C-alpha atoms as a PDB file:
ATOM      1  CA  MET A   1    -125.136  -1.751-186.575  1.00  0.00           C
ATOM      2  CA  LYS A   2    -126.942  -1.954-183.223  1.00  0.00           C
ATOM      3  CA  VAL A   3    -125.547  -2.828-179.786  1.00  0.00           C
ATOM      4  CA  LEU A   4    -127.632  -4.949-177.398  1.00  0.00           C
ATOM      5  CA  LEU A   5    -126.661  -4.577-173.736  1.00  0.00           C
ATOM      6  CA  ALA A   6    -127.252  -7.413-171.244  1.00  0.00           C
ATOM      7  CA  GLN A   7    -129.004  -6.876-167.908  1.00  0.00           C
ATOM      8  CA  PRO A   8    -127.699  -7.718-165.363  1.00  0.00           C
ATOM      9  CA  ARG A   9    -123.981  -7.497-166.123  1.00  0.00           C
ATOM     10  CA  GLY A  10    -120.768  -6.520-164.366  1.00  0.00           C
ATOM     11  CA  PHE A  11    -120.142  -6.160-160.652  1.00  0.00           C
ATOM     12  CA  CYS A  12    -121.979  -8.403-158.223  1.00  0.00           C
ATOM     13  CA  ALA A  13    -122.491  -7.586-154.528  1.00  0.00           C
ATOM     14  CA  GLY A  14    -119.497  -9.679-153.429  1.00  0.00           C
ATOM     15  CA  VAL A  15    -117.160  -7.835-155.790  1.00  0.00           C
ATOM     16  CA  GLU A  16    -118.593  -4.430-154.811  1.00  0.00           C
ATOM     17  CA  ARG A  17    -118.042  -5.325-151.160  1.00  0.00           C
ATOM     18  CA  ALA A  18    -114.442  -6.487-151.660  1.00  0.00           C
ATOM     19  CA  ILE A  19    -113.412  -3.319-153.529  1.00  0.00           C
ATOM     20  CA  GLU A  20    -115.153  -1.125-150.972  1.00  0.00           C
ATOM     21  CA  ILE A  21    -113.317  -2.897-148.140  1.00  0.00           C
ATOM     22  CA  VAL A  22    -109.933  -2.017-149.666  1.00  0.00           C
ATOM     23  CA  GLU A  23    -110.975   1.573-150.353  1.00  0.00           C
ATOM     24  CA  ARG A  24    -112.262   2.088-146.817  1.00  0.00           C
ATOM     25  CA  ALA A  25    -109.176   0.437-145.323  1.00  0.00           C
ATOM     26  CA  LEU A  26    -106.996   2.900-147.242  1.00  0.00           C
ATOM     27  CA  VAL A  27    -109.044   5.779-145.785  1.00  0.00           C
ATOM     28  CA  LYS A  28    -108.917   4.442-142.230  1.00  0.00           C
ATOM     29  CA  TYR A  29    -105.322   3.244-142.029  1.00  0.00           C
ATOM     30  CA  GLY A  30    -103.642   5.071-144.920  1.00  0.00           C
ATOM     31  CA  PRO A  31    -101.435   3.337-147.480  1.00  0.00           C
ATOM     32  CA  PRO A  32    -100.013   0.861-147.817  1.00  0.00           C
ATOM     33  CA  VAL A  33    -102.764  -1.698-147.360  1.00  0.00           C
ATOM     34  CA  TYR A  34    -101.630  -5.160-148.431  1.00  0.00           C
ATOM     35  CA  VAL A  35    -103.936  -7.453-150.396  1.00  0.00           C
ATOM     36  CA  ARG A  36    -103.254 -11.168-150.790  1.00  0.00           C
ATOM     37  CA  HIS A  37    -103.836 -12.054-154.453  1.00  0.00           C
ATOM     38  CA  GLU A  38    -105.991  -9.957-156.756  1.00  0.00           C
ATOM     39  CA  ILE A  39    -108.894  -8.596-154.727  1.00  0.00           C
ATOM     40  CA  VAL A  40    -111.068  -9.648-157.692  1.00  0.00           C
ATOM     41  CA  HIS A  41    -110.095 -10.970-161.118  1.00  0.00           C
ATOM     42  CA  ASN A  42    -109.848  -7.720-163.055  1.00  0.00           C
ATOM     43  CA  LYS A  43    -106.754  -5.819-164.140  1.00  0.00           C
ATOM     44  CA  ARG A  44    -108.443  -2.387-164.175  1.00  0.00           C
ATOM     45  CA  VAL A  45    -109.759  -2.819-160.630  1.00  0.00           C
ATOM     46  CA  VAL A  46    -106.333  -3.925-159.392  1.00  0.00           C
ATOM     47  CA  GLU A  47    -104.554  -1.040-161.135  1.00  0.00           C
ATOM     48  CA  ASP A  48    -106.993   1.534-159.738  1.00  0.00           C
ATOM     49  CA  LEU A  49    -106.551   0.251-156.180  1.00  0.00           C
ATOM     50  CA  ARG A  50    -102.784   0.050-156.601  1.00  0.00           C
ATOM     51  CA  ALA A  51    -102.768   3.717-157.612  1.00  0.00           C
ATOM     52  CA  LYS A  52    -104.560   4.532-154.341  1.00  0.00           C
ATOM     53  CA  GLY A  53    -101.968   2.703-152.242  1.00  0.00           C
ATOM     54  CA  ALA A  54    -102.939  -0.977-152.224  1.00  0.00           C
ATOM     55  CA  VAL A  55    -100.049  -3.428-152.508  1.00  0.00           C
ATOM     56  CA  PHE A  56    -100.877  -6.812-154.030  1.00  0.00           C
ATOM     57  CA  VAL A  57     -98.832  -9.859-153.015  1.00  0.00           C
ATOM     58  CA  ASP A  58     -98.941 -13.568-153.761  1.00  0.00           C
ATOM     59  CA  GLU A  59     -98.398 -14.790-150.201  1.00  0.00           C
ATOM     60  CA  VAL A  60     -98.579 -13.385-146.674  1.00  0.00           C
ATOM     61  CA  GLU A  61     -94.841 -13.974-146.221  1.00  0.00           C
ATOM     62  CA  GLU A  62     -94.311 -10.959-148.479  1.00  0.00           C
ATOM     63  CA  ILE A  63     -96.227  -8.670-146.103  1.00  0.00           C
ATOM     64  CA  PRO A  64     -94.353  -6.789-143.363  1.00  0.00           C
ATOM     65  CA  GLU A  65     -95.163  -7.975-139.847  1.00  0.00           C
ATOM     66  CA  GLY A  66     -98.117  -6.192-138.285  1.00  0.00           C
ATOM     67  CA  ALA A  67     -99.315  -4.632-141.550  1.00  0.00           C
ATOM     68  CA  ILE A  68    -102.962  -4.087-142.541  1.00  0.00           C
ATOM     69  CA  THR A  69    -103.928  -7.006-144.784  1.00  0.00           C
ATOM     70  CA  VAL A  70    -107.018  -7.792-146.851  1.00  0.00           C
ATOM     71  CA  PHE A  71    -107.930 -11.299-148.005  1.00  0.00           C
ATOM     72  CA  SER A  72    -109.500 -11.367-151.476  1.00  0.00           C
ATOM     73  CA  ALA A  73    -113.141 -12.066-152.345  1.00  0.00           C
ATOM     74  CA  HIS A  74    -112.237 -15.632-153.362  1.00  0.00           C
ATOM     75  CA  GLY A  75    -111.457 -16.718-149.783  1.00  0.00           C
ATOM     76  CA  VAL A  76    -108.344 -18.359-148.359  1.00  0.00           C
ATOM     77  CA  ALA A  77    -107.269 -21.654-146.821  1.00  0.00           C
ATOM     78  CA  ARG A  78    -106.915 -21.967-143.054  1.00  0.00           C
ATOM     79  CA  LYS A  79    -103.125 -22.206-143.449  1.00  0.00           C
ATOM     80  CA  VAL A  80    -103.127 -18.688-144.907  1.00  0.00           C
ATOM     81  CA  GLU A  81    -105.107 -17.465-141.892  1.00  0.00           C
ATOM     82  CA  THR A  82    -102.639 -19.187-139.554  1.00  0.00           C
ATOM     83  CA  ASP A  83     -99.625 -17.759-141.389  1.00  0.00           C
ATOM     84  CA  ALA A  84    -101.139 -14.264-141.223  1.00  0.00           C
ATOM     85  CA  ASP A  85    -101.763 -14.639-137.492  1.00  0.00           C
ATOM     86  CA  GLY A  86     -98.166 -15.772-137.016  1.00  0.00           C
ATOM     87  CA  ARG A  87     -96.927 -12.562-138.628  1.00  0.00           C
ATOM     88  CA  GLY A  88     -99.186 -10.423-136.476  1.00  0.00           C
ATOM     89  CA  LEU A  89    -101.079  -9.092-139.484  1.00  0.00           C
ATOM     90  CA  GLU A  90    -104.258  -7.131-138.897  1.00  0.00           C
ATOM     91  CA  VAL A  91    -106.548  -8.932-141.307  1.00  0.00           C
ATOM     92  CA  ILE A  92    -109.733  -7.642-142.897  1.00  0.00           C
ATOM     93  CA  ASP A  93    -111.513 -10.531-144.603  1.00  0.00           C
ATOM     94  CA  ALA A  94    -113.140  -9.609-147.939  1.00  0.00           C
ATOM     95  CA  THR A  95    -114.222 -13.189-148.684  1.00  0.00           C
ATOM     96  CA  CYS A  96    -117.592 -13.081-150.456  1.00  0.00           C
ATOM     97  CA  PRO A  97    -120.303 -14.136-147.969  1.00  0.00           C
ATOM     98  CA  LEU A  98    -121.560 -16.715-150.484  1.00  0.00           C
ATOM     99  CA  VAL A  99    -118.081 -18.265-150.635  1.00  0.00           C
ATOM    100  CA  ALA A 100    -117.909 -18.243-146.828  1.00  0.00           C
ATOM    101  CA  LYS A 101    -121.242 -20.075-146.785  1.00  0.00           C
ATOM    102  CA  VAL A 102    -119.759 -22.832-148.962  1.00  0.00           C
ATOM    103  CA  HIS A 103    -116.843 -23.096-146.504  1.00  0.00           C
ATOM    104  CA  MET A 104    -119.250 -23.516-143.591  1.00  0.00           C
ATOM    105  CA  GLU A 105    -121.304 -26.143-145.407  1.00  0.00           C
ATOM    106  CA  GLY A 106    -118.175 -28.145-146.263  1.00  0.00           C
ATOM    107  CA  GLN A 107    -116.936 -27.900-142.681  1.00  0.00           C
ATOM    108  CA  ARG A 108    -120.311 -29.038-141.335  1.00  0.00           C
ATOM    109  CA  TYR A 109    -120.361 -32.115-143.562  1.00  0.00           C
ATOM    110  CA  ALA A 110    -116.736 -32.957-142.688  1.00  0.00           C
ATOM    111  CA  ARG A 111    -117.480 -32.772-138.947  1.00  0.00           C
ATOM    112  CA  LYS A 112    -120.160 -35.414-139.499  1.00  0.00           C
ATOM    113  CA  GLY A 113    -117.549 -37.717-141.049  1.00  0.00           C
ATOM    114  CA  HIS A 114    -118.571 -37.206-144.672  1.00  0.00           C
ATOM    115  CA  ASP A 115    -116.207 -37.123-147.609  1.00  0.00           C
ATOM    116  CA  VAL A 116    -116.829 -33.793-149.328  1.00  0.00           C
ATOM    117  CA  ILE A 117    -116.996 -33.547-153.121  1.00  0.00           C
ATOM    118  CA  LEU A 118    -116.223 -30.073-154.435  1.00  0.00           C
ATOM    119  CA  ILE A 119    -117.511 -29.302-157.924  1.00  0.00           C
ATOM    120  CA  GLY A 120    -115.172 -26.683-159.344  1.00  0.00           C
ATOM    121  CA  HIS A 121    -112.175 -25.751-161.475  1.00  0.00           C
ATOM    122  CA  GLU A 122    -108.773 -26.979-160.375  1.00  0.00           C
ATOM    123  CA  GLY A 123    -106.353 -24.134-159.681  1.00  0.00           C
ATOM    124  CA  HIS A 124    -109.041 -21.473-159.197  1.00  0.00           C
ATOM    125  CA  ALA A 125    -108.377 -19.262-156.154  1.00  0.00           C
ATOM    126  CA  GLU A 126    -111.820 -19.952-154.685  1.00  0.00           C
ATOM    127  CA  VAL A 127    -111.376 -23.710-155.016  1.00  0.00           C
ATOM    128  CA  GLU A 128    -107.963 -23.620-153.331  1.00  0.00           C
ATOM    129  CA  GLY A 129    -109.424 -21.634-150.456  1.00  0.00           C
ATOM    130  CA  THR A 130    -112.428 -23.955-150.051  1.00  0.00           C
ATOM    131  CA  VAL A 131    -110.314 -27.121-150.058  1.00  0.00           C
ATOM    132  CA  GLY A 132    -108.048 -25.521-147.460  1.00  0.00           C
ATOM    133  CA  GLN A 133    -110.979 -24.651-145.204  1.00  0.00           C
ATOM    134  CA  ILE A 134    -112.340 -28.194-144.869  1.00  0.00           C
ATOM    135  CA  ASP A 135    -110.812 -30.597-142.327  1.00  0.00           C
ATOM    136  CA  GLY A 136    -111.283 -33.995-143.890  1.00  0.00           C
ATOM    137  CA  THR A 137    -111.294 -35.658-147.288  1.00  0.00           C
ATOM    138  CA  VAL A 138    -112.160 -33.390-150.219  1.00  0.00           C
ATOM    139  CA  HIS A 139    -112.541 -34.713-153.779  1.00  0.00           C
ATOM    140  CA  LEU A 140    -112.364 -32.061-156.515  1.00  0.00           C
ATOM    141  CA  ILE A 141    -114.313 -32.838-159.691  1.00  0.00           C
ATOM    142  CA  GLY A 142    -115.116 -30.742-162.734  1.00  0.00           C
ATOM    143  CA  THR A 143    -116.911 -33.044-165.192  1.00  0.00           C
ATOM    144  CA  VAL A 144    -119.429 -35.870-165.359  1.00  0.00           C
ATOM    145  CA  ASP A 145    -116.570 -38.210-166.304  1.00  0.00           C
ATOM    146  CA  ASP A 146    -114.852 -37.390-163.000  1.00  0.00           C
ATOM    147  CA  VAL A 147    -117.829 -38.825-161.104  1.00  0.00           C
ATOM    148  CA  ALA A 148    -117.160 -42.339-162.406  1.00  0.00           C
ATOM    149  CA  LYS A 149    -113.539 -42.149-161.215  1.00  0.00           C
ATOM    150  CA  LEU A 150    -114.344 -41.174-157.643  1.00  0.00           C
ATOM    151  CA  GLU A 151    -113.049 -43.433-154.886  1.00  0.00           C
ATOM    152  CA  VAL A 152    -114.726 -42.591-151.578  1.00  0.00           C
ATOM    153  CA  HIS A 153    -114.470 -43.983-148.058  1.00  0.00           C
ATOM    154  CA  ASP A 154    -118.181 -44.645-147.558  1.00  0.00           C
ATOM    155  CA  PRO A 155    -120.814 -44.141-150.297  1.00  0.00           C
ATOM    156  CA  ASP A 156    -123.417 -43.496-147.592  1.00  0.00           C
ATOM    157  CA  LYS A 157    -121.417 -40.661-146.017  1.00  0.00           C
ATOM    158  CA  LEU A 158    -120.948 -38.240-148.901  1.00  0.00           C
ATOM    159  CA  ALA A 159    -121.812 -34.601-149.505  1.00  0.00           C
ATOM    160  CA  TYR A 160    -121.097 -32.102-152.262  1.00  0.00           C
ATOM    161  CA  VAL A 161    -120.577 -28.340-152.454  1.00  0.00           C
ATOM    162  CA  THR A 162    -119.925 -26.180-155.512  1.00  0.00           C
ATOM    163  CA  GLN A 163    -117.686 -23.315-156.558  1.00  0.00           C
ATOM    164  CA  THR A 164    -119.872 -20.201-156.415  1.00  0.00           C
ATOM    165  CA  THR A 165    -119.021 -19.035-159.934  1.00  0.00           C
ATOM    166  CA  LEU A 166    -120.744 -22.111-161.371  1.00  0.00           C
ATOM    167  CA  SER A 167    -124.463 -21.806-162.033  1.00  0.00           C
ATOM    168  CA  VAL A 168    -127.288 -24.299-161.604  1.00  0.00           C
ATOM    169  CA  ASP A 169    -126.968 -25.083-165.311  1.00  0.00           C
ATOM    170  CA  ASP A 170    -123.198 -25.616-165.053  1.00  0.00           C
ATOM    171  CA  THR A 171    -123.517 -28.176-162.279  1.00  0.00           C
ATOM    172  CA  ARG A 172    -126.839 -29.869-163.098  1.00  0.00           C
ATOM    173  CA  GLU A 173    -125.423 -32.835-165.043  1.00  0.00           C
ATOM    174  CA  ILE A 174    -122.586 -33.409-162.581  1.00  0.00           C
ATOM    175  CA  ILE A 175    -124.958 -33.372-159.608  1.00  0.00           C
ATOM    176  CA  ALA A 176    -127.328 -35.761-161.435  1.00  0.00           C
ATOM    177  CA  ALA A 177    -124.414 -38.147-162.060  1.00  0.00           C
ATOM    178  CA  LEU A 178    -123.412 -37.956-158.382  1.00  0.00           C
ATOM    179  CA  GLN A 179    -126.967 -38.686-157.248  1.00  0.00           C
ATOM    180  CA  GLU A 180    -127.243 -41.608-159.642  1.00  0.00           C
ATOM    181  CA  ARG A 181    -124.009 -43.200-158.433  1.00  0.00           C
ATOM    182  CA  PHE A 182    -124.433 -42.235-154.762  1.00  0.00           C
ATOM    183  CA  PRO A 183    -128.203 -42.093-154.027  1.00  0.00           C
ATOM    184  CA  SER A 184    -127.720 -40.978-150.404  1.00  0.00           C
ATOM    185  CA  ILE A 185    -125.388 -38.062-151.203  1.00  0.00           C
ATOM    186  CA  LYS A 186    -126.237 -34.765-149.509  1.00  0.00           C
ATOM    187  CA  GLY A 187    -125.864 -31.291-150.969  1.00  0.00           C
ATOM    188  CA  PRO A 188    -126.928 -27.653-150.733  1.00  0.00           C
ATOM    189  CA  ASP A 189    -130.278 -26.310-151.830  1.00  0.00           C
ATOM    190  CA  VAL A 190    -130.428 -24.754-155.303  1.00  0.00           C
ATOM    191  CA  LYS A 191    -131.026 -21.365-153.647  1.00  0.00           C
ATOM    192  CA  ASP A 192    -127.460 -21.534-152.299  1.00  0.00           C
ATOM    193  CA  ILE A 193    -126.039 -21.187-155.827  1.00  0.00           C
ATOM    194  CA  CYS A 194    -124.562 -17.726-156.398  1.00  0.00           C
ATOM    195  CA  TYR A 195    -127.423 -15.522-157.566  1.00  0.00           C
ATOM    196  CA  ALA A 196    -125.094 -13.315-159.654  1.00  0.00           C
ATOM    197  CA  THR A 197    -123.632 -16.206-161.638  1.00  0.00           C
ATOM    198  CA  GLN A 198    -127.069 -17.567-162.469  1.00  0.00           C
ATOM    199  CA  ASN A 199    -128.513 -14.148-163.337  1.00  0.00           C
ATOM    200  CA  ARG A 200    -125.645 -13.220-165.678  1.00  0.00           C
ATOM    201  CA  GLN A 201    -125.829 -16.530-167.487  1.00  0.00           C
ATOM    202  CA  GLU A 202    -129.578 -16.254-168.002  1.00  0.00           C
ATOM    203  CA  ALA A 203    -129.087 -12.687-169.265  1.00  0.00           C
ATOM    204  CA  VAL A 204    -126.393 -13.747-171.739  1.00  0.00           C
ATOM    205  CA  ARG A 205    -128.649 -16.506-173.106  1.00  0.00           C
ATOM    206  CA  ASP A 206    -131.319 -13.914-173.756  1.00  0.00           C
ATOM    207  CA  LEU A 207    -128.707 -11.645-175.323  1.00  0.00           C
ATOM    208  CA  ALA A 208    -127.185 -14.348-177.520  1.00  0.00           C
ATOM    209  CA  SER A 209    -130.621 -15.338-178.825  1.00  0.00           C
ATOM    210  CA  GLN A 210    -130.973 -11.848-180.327  1.00  0.00           C
ATOM    211  CA  ALA A 211    -127.401 -10.963-181.342  1.00  0.00           C
ATOM    212  CA  ASP A 212    -125.108 -12.242-184.085  1.00  0.00           C
ATOM    213  CA  LEU A 213    -121.879 -11.486-182.187  1.00  0.00           C
ATOM    214  CA  LEU A 214    -121.153 -11.614-178.442  1.00  0.00           C
ATOM    215  CA  LEU A 215    -118.528  -9.526-176.652  1.00  0.00           C
ATOM    216  CA  VAL A 216    -117.860 -10.373-172.994  1.00  0.00           C
ATOM    217  CA  ILE A 217    -115.755  -7.951-170.975  1.00  0.00           C
ATOM    218  CA  GLY A 218    -113.756  -9.729-168.308  1.00  0.00           C
ATOM    219  CA  ALA A 219    -110.369 -11.069-167.316  1.00  0.00           C
ATOM    220  CA  GLN A 220    -108.967 -14.152-169.027  1.00  0.00           C
ATOM    221  CA  ASN A 221    -108.601 -15.818-165.591  1.00  0.00           C
ATOM    222  CA  SER A 222    -112.187 -15.044-164.585  1.00  0.00           C
ATOM    223  CA  SER A 223    -114.209 -18.250-164.348  1.00  0.00           C
ATOM    224  CA  ASN A 224    -117.618 -16.591-164.644  1.00  0.00           C
ATOM    225  CA  SER A 225    -116.523 -14.407-167.594  1.00  0.00           C
ATOM    226  CA  ASN A 226    -115.177 -17.393-169.510  1.00  0.00           C
ATOM    227  CA  ARG A 227    -118.450 -19.209-168.927  1.00  0.00           C
ATOM    228  CA  LEU A 228    -120.411 -16.295-170.428  1.00  0.00           C
ATOM    229  CA  ARG A 229    -118.304 -16.549-173.588  1.00  0.00           C
ATOM    230  CA  GLU A 230    -118.806 -20.325-173.693  1.00  0.00           C
ATOM    231  CA  ILE A 231    -122.592 -19.892-173.525  1.00  0.00           C
ATOM    232  CA  GLY A 232    -122.470 -17.672-176.611  1.00  0.00           C
ATOM    233  CA  GLU A 233    -120.426 -20.285-178.451  1.00  0.00           C
ATOM    234  CA  GLU A 234    -122.874 -23.007-177.397  1.00  0.00           C
ATOM    235  CA  MET A 235    -125.620 -20.885-178.965  1.00  0.00           C
ATOM    236  CA  ASP A 236    -123.662 -20.812-182.234  1.00  0.00           C
ATOM    237  CA  ILE A 237    -122.693 -17.165-182.409  1.00  0.00           C
ATOM    238  CA  PRO A 238    -119.101 -15.848-182.557  1.00  0.00           C
ATOM    239  CA  SER A 239    -118.153 -14.999-178.961  1.00  0.00           C
ATOM    240  CA  TYR A 240    -115.097 -13.240-177.588  1.00  0.00           C
ATOM    241  CA  LEU A 241    -113.798 -12.568-174.078  1.00  0.00           C
ATOM    242  CA  ILE A 242    -111.925  -9.251-174.045  1.00  0.00           C
ATOM    243  CA  ASP A 243    -110.133  -7.338-171.289  1.00  0.00           C
ATOM    244  CA  ASP A 244    -111.218  -3.931-172.576  1.00  0.00           C
ATOM    245  CA  ALA A 245    -112.072  -1.898-175.687  1.00  0.00           C
ATOM    246  CA  GLU A 246    -108.466  -2.007-176.881  1.00  0.00           C
ATOM    247  CA  SER A 247    -108.768  -5.796-177.210  1.00  0.00           C
ATOM    248  CA  LEU A 248    -111.598  -5.496-179.733  1.00  0.00           C
ATOM    249  CA  ASP A 249    -110.712  -6.552-183.268  1.00  0.00           C
ATOM    250  CA  PRO A 250    -112.814  -4.446-185.691  1.00  0.00           C
ATOM    251  CA  ALA A 251    -112.718  -7.360-188.155  1.00  0.00           C
ATOM    252  CA  TRP A 252    -115.089  -9.272-185.842  1.00  0.00           C
ATOM    253  CA  LEU A 253    -117.815  -6.732-186.625  1.00  0.00           C
ATOM    254  CA  LYS A 254    -117.766  -7.239-190.398  1.00  0.00           C
ATOM    255  CA  GLY A 255    -121.222  -8.257-191.616  1.00  0.00           C
ATOM    256  CA  LYS A 256    -122.685  -8.177-188.091  1.00  0.00           C
ATOM    257  CA  ASP A 257    -125.833  -6.120-187.451  1.00  0.00           C
ATOM    258  CA  LYS A 258    -126.504  -6.820-183.751  1.00  0.00           C
ATOM    259  CA  ILE A 259    -123.569  -6.792-181.327  1.00  0.00           C
ATOM    260  CA  GLY A 260    -124.294  -8.278-177.900  1.00  0.00           C
ATOM    261  CA  VAL A 261    -122.305  -6.830-174.981  1.00  0.00           C
ATOM    262  CA  THR A 262    -122.076  -8.107-171.411  1.00  0.00           C
ATOM    263  CA  ALA A 263    -119.530  -8.124-168.594  1.00  0.00           C
ATOM    264  CA  GLY A 264    -118.389 -10.655-166.004  1.00  0.00           C
ATOM    265  CA  ALA A 265    -119.039 -10.167-162.308  1.00  0.00           C
ATOM    266  CA  SER A 266    -115.586  -8.640-161.724  1.00  0.00           C
ATOM    267  CA  ALA A 267    -115.682  -6.140-164.607  1.00  0.00           C
ATOM    268  CA  PRO A 268    -116.398  -2.465-163.791  1.00  0.00           C
ATOM    269  CA  GLU A 269    -119.056  -0.580-165.742  1.00  0.00           C
ATOM    270  CA  GLY A 270    -116.417   1.872-166.930  1.00  0.00           C
ATOM    271  CA  LEU A 271    -115.012  -0.836-169.198  1.00  0.00           C
ATOM    272  CA  VAL A 272    -118.475  -1.329-170.693  1.00  0.00           C
ATOM    273  CA  ASP A 273    -118.786   2.409-171.320  1.00  0.00           C
ATOM    274  CA  GLU A 274    -115.408   2.475-173.084  1.00  0.00           C
ATOM    275  CA  LEU A 275    -116.402  -0.466-175.289  1.00  0.00           C
ATOM    276  CA  LEU A 276    -119.706   1.184-176.220  1.00  0.00           C
ATOM    277  CA  SER A 277    -117.855   4.368-177.169  1.00  0.00           C
ATOM    278  CA  CYS A 278    -115.468   2.333-179.321  1.00  0.00           C
ATOM    279  CA  LEU A 279    -118.358   0.533-181.039  1.00  0.00           C
ATOM    280  CA  LYS A 280    -120.027   3.863-181.799  1.00  0.00           C
ATOM    281  CA  ASP A 281    -116.787   5.057-183.400  1.00  0.00           C
ATOM    282  CA  LEU A 282    -116.842   1.887-185.521  1.00  0.00           C
ATOM    283  CA  GLY A 283    -120.375   2.524-186.770  1.00  0.00           C
ATOM    284  CA  ALA A 284    -122.850   1.439-184.086  1.00  0.00           C
ATOM    285  CA  GLU A 285    -125.857   3.725-184.372  1.00  0.00           C
ATOM    286  CA  GLU A 286    -127.877   2.615-181.358  1.00  0.00           C
ATOM    287  CA  VAL A 287    -127.386   1.006-177.921  1.00  0.00           C
ATOM    288  CA  VAL A 288    -130.393  -0.967-176.695  1.00  0.00           C
ATOM    289  CA  PRO A 289    -130.386  -2.086-173.030  1.00  0.00           C
ATOM    290  CA  LEU A 290    -132.319  -5.342-172.740  1.00  0.00           C
ATOM    291  CA  ALA A 291    -134.895  -5.898-170.024  1.00  0.00           C
ATOM    292  CA  GLY A 292    -133.639  -8.005-167.160  1.00  0.00           C
ATOM    293  CA  LEU A 293    -133.349  -8.435-163.424  1.00  0.00           C
ATOM    294  CA  ILE A 294    -132.312  -5.444-161.330  1.00  0.00           C
ATOM    295  CA  GLU A 295    -130.131  -6.765-158.527  1.00  0.00           C
ATOM    296  CA  ASP A 296    -130.439  -5.098-155.111  1.00  0.00           C
ATOM    297  CA  VAL A 297    -128.314  -7.451-153.001  1.00  0.00           C
ATOM    298  CA  VAL A 298    -125.985  -5.727-150.519  1.00  0.00           C
ATOM    299  CA  PHE A 299    -123.604  -7.563-148.166  1.00  0.00           C
ATOM    300  CA  LYS A 300    -122.613  -6.230-144.748  1.00  0.00           C
ATOM    301  CA  LEU A 301    -119.062  -4.892-144.434  1.00  0.00           C
ATOM    302  CA  PRO A 302    -116.552  -6.193-141.849  1.00  0.00           C
ATOM    303  CA  SER A 303    -116.625  -4.363-138.523  1.00  0.00           C
ATOM    304  CA  GLN A 304    -113.154  -2.821-139.010  1.00  0.00           C
ATOM    305  CA  VAL A 305    -114.341  -0.630-141.904  1.00  0.00           C
ATOM    306  CA  ARG A 306    -118.124  -0.566-141.535  1.00  0.00           C
ATOM    307  CA  HIS A 307    -118.257   2.974-140.154  1.00  0.00           C
ATOM    308  CA  VAL A 308    -115.550   4.459-142.377  1.00  0.00           C
ATOM    309  CA  GLU A 309    -116.784   6.820-145.069  1.00  0.00           C
ATOM    310  CA  ARG A 310    -116.057   5.500-148.551  1.00  0.00           C
ATOM    311  CA  PRO A 311    -114.011   7.911-150.671  1.00  0.00           C
ATOM    312  CA  ALA A 312    -115.808   9.657-153.520  1.00  0.00           C
ATOM    313  CA  ALA A 313    -115.411   8.003-156.921  1.00  0.00           C
END
C-alpha cells in the first residue's frame, strides 16, 4: 500500500494569519483573549488556542465589557461590529483579506443601487458576515436552479459576488446561468476567487486521478474540506472527510493500493502527520508527495499585533 500526498494542502494564508493574530494577542495582552466563533473551522486549532488562554464565544454579548476580542477569519456582519463597539471591546479583526475584499465589492455595488447576488452556502459563517456587511438587497443563491427563481428590482442593475471557499469550477455554471438570464450583470474578475480554494481543488483532482481511495482531513462544517471530498466522489473513487487519524476506519483500506491524502484549508499539518503515521501502522510502505504549487502568499497582520513576537511552536 502506497500513500499519495496532495500539494498544496492544509493551511492557507488567511488561516495562518487568523491563528497568528490570536497567538500574538495572547502574548501582548495575556489571557483571556475572547474570540467570536471558531477562529477557523478546525477542532484541533480551537482546542490548542483554548489551552493557551483563548475563550471562544458565540456572540459578543458573552464577552465582558472592555475585553480583548478577535473576530474570526470568516468575517462578521456590521451589527456584530456595532454591538462590540457598544460594549467597549478592543477588537482585533482576523477577517481574511480575501473575504474583506468580497465585502468591499458588495458594498460598492450596493452604493451604486445594484441588487447584489451572493453565490454561497446558506448558514455558513462567511455568508452571514457578507450579507450583514452590504447595505441594500442581497439575494443568496447556491445552485443553477436558484437563478431561475430570482426576483430582482431591476435586471439592468445587478451584480454578483461569491463566497471565497467556492472555486472557479464551483461557481462557473451558476455564473453562466446568471449571465444568460441577466446579460448586463456585473461581477468580480476570476482572479478575485480565493487562490487557496482553487489550488487545493486542482491538487485533489490530480490526486484522485492516481489514487483508489481519498482521505480528506478537515472539519465536518468546513465548506472547502467538504468540497474536496465531493470532488473525489465525482471522480468515482471512495472519498471520506475525517477529523483526524482516529476517525479512519481501517476497513476502508481493504483492497486499496494507493491511498490519496489531502487536507482542507483549516486543517493543521500535524493532523496529516498523525494520519500518515496511522497509515504506516496499517501497512503503508511508502509516502509519495505529489508535485504541485508551492504557495508563498502572506497577508499583513493588523496593527495591534504586527510588532509582537509570535510565541515559539
